[in-house]
Amino acid sequence: MNAIELANVSKIYRRYSGRQFATLKSALLQRSILRDLSAAETFPALSDVSFSVPKGCTYGVIGRNGSGKSTALKLVAGITKPTSGTVKVEGRISALIELGAGFHPEISGRENVFINGIMLGLTKGQILDRFDEIVDFAELREFIDAPVKTYSSGMYMRLGFAVAIHVDPDVLLVDEVLAVGDEGFTHKCLDKFAEFRRRNKTILLVTHSLGLVERFCDEAVWIDEGRVMGHGDPKRLVDAYLTAVEKGEDTLLATTTAKAVEAAKRADGDAPHPAEGVIPASSDDAAGGPETASTEPELKNFFEETEGRWGSRDIEITDVTLIDKAGTPSFVFHSGEAMSVRITVDAHSPITDFVFGFGLFNAEGVCCYGTNTYLEEMTPVHIEGVVTASFDIERLDLVEGTYKLDVAVHKRDGFPYDYHRLLYTFRVKSRTHDAGIYRPPHTWSFTGAVNFTSEIDKLT
């Protein structure tokens, strides 16, 4: 038996366009609030959504911001009605969606508990029986007779959560409410959810905590742009969702990098180029011999320089591609997996003094690692024409975050042929949210009587 059923549900909202009715009466008489609107004047929050939640099941709803998750919960809660389709719910509902909705700021917490409890379907006697438990759960014993307008936002949300959770519903709707208090209060909320599971209550959970969905939920549904992308096993859905998110991030980072490279190219468009004869050089210099130029650009401090591109372009970087473990160009990588940086250069004439350089920085501009071929005792001999260099990283042991690359070709004394500074952005993903920059391969070991668990483990 299903506790919740959504069948071909659509919810359409009207966009604000400046077109207004003179009165509600005129709008109703014309019957054209939605009917006469063009597609551009409406927004489909949900489109033909169908899923069912068996009785006693803990069911997760995942998706990006604005995908329609909260709209689905509001339809189940009866807060709003579907434009088309049907929504069926069996049993008493308690919705942890907009905590404290209906609280009156001018009256006391005590009075609001009674009003809110009655709104959620309890009798006055039932509220009296549960009043002390509600107040103690919310940790507001000292302030329960003070006006709600004097409460902090955390106190306000805790009281709303406490009332909703003590309604003893058959169906509990939860929308990102685990951040309503401090760590201790969050633990109490998780314990309460565990109790609901043990009592075979139906829970519909909307959250961005994918680990919670994987370990807490029996089934899940993935909604994107108002449509169901899949439903079933939580682990499988979370993997599919993360893959889609990574594709979106990859596209965004590709666009960001392309714009940065193009902007640097335009900014460097007026820079001296040997082909234009702006930097005098002898034939010996062209071959990588002693410098004879009377004027030479000032060498830059590469650890202080901001994003950009500079150099003489005797050797020009024509392409930089980041390659993932499958050999595919990418801008999103996973911690611990392989990564290659492929650099294509064009040496316009034979040169014997050249060094390939590589630098890795985090989003704050802190240098994580830097090296070059000369530091690694690779003495240059000759380069000419189009050459491809590949900097191969066997294990990208970085913590999750955004990183930037320097790539360069320069002389042994640092004089730049072509330096690309912080132009290439990529992202490292990890299911482990540790801190710092470097994530060394490691294990934990213990001796003696020691056990570990997590708050999520308590729910399973």
Foldseek 3Di string as FASTA:
>chain_A
DFQKWWFQFKAKAFADDPDDDPDVVVCVVVVPPPPPDDPVGMAILAGGDTDTHHFLFEEEEEEDPSLNPLVVLCCQVVVDDTPDTDMDGPWQEFELRPFLVPADQAFFQLVSLQVVLVVSPDDSVLCVVCVVVLCVLLVQPVRRRPGNNPDDQLSRRSSSVSSRLSSPILEYEEEPSLPSHDPVSSLVVLLSLLVCSVVSGYYYYYDPPLVLCQLQGQKYWYGGSNYTPDIGHSVVVVVVNVVVVQVVVFVVLVVQLVVLVVVQCVVCVPPAEVVVVPFDADPCVLAAHDGDTPDADDFDDQLPDDFHKDARQLKAWDDKFKAFQVRDTTQEAEAFGKIKIKTKIARAGKYQFKKKKKWKAFPVSHTPDIDIPVNVVDHGGIDHGIDMDMDIDHGRQWAWHKMFMKIFMAGPVRRGNMIGRRSRMGTYDYPDHDDDTGHDDDDDDDDDDDDDDDSSNSND
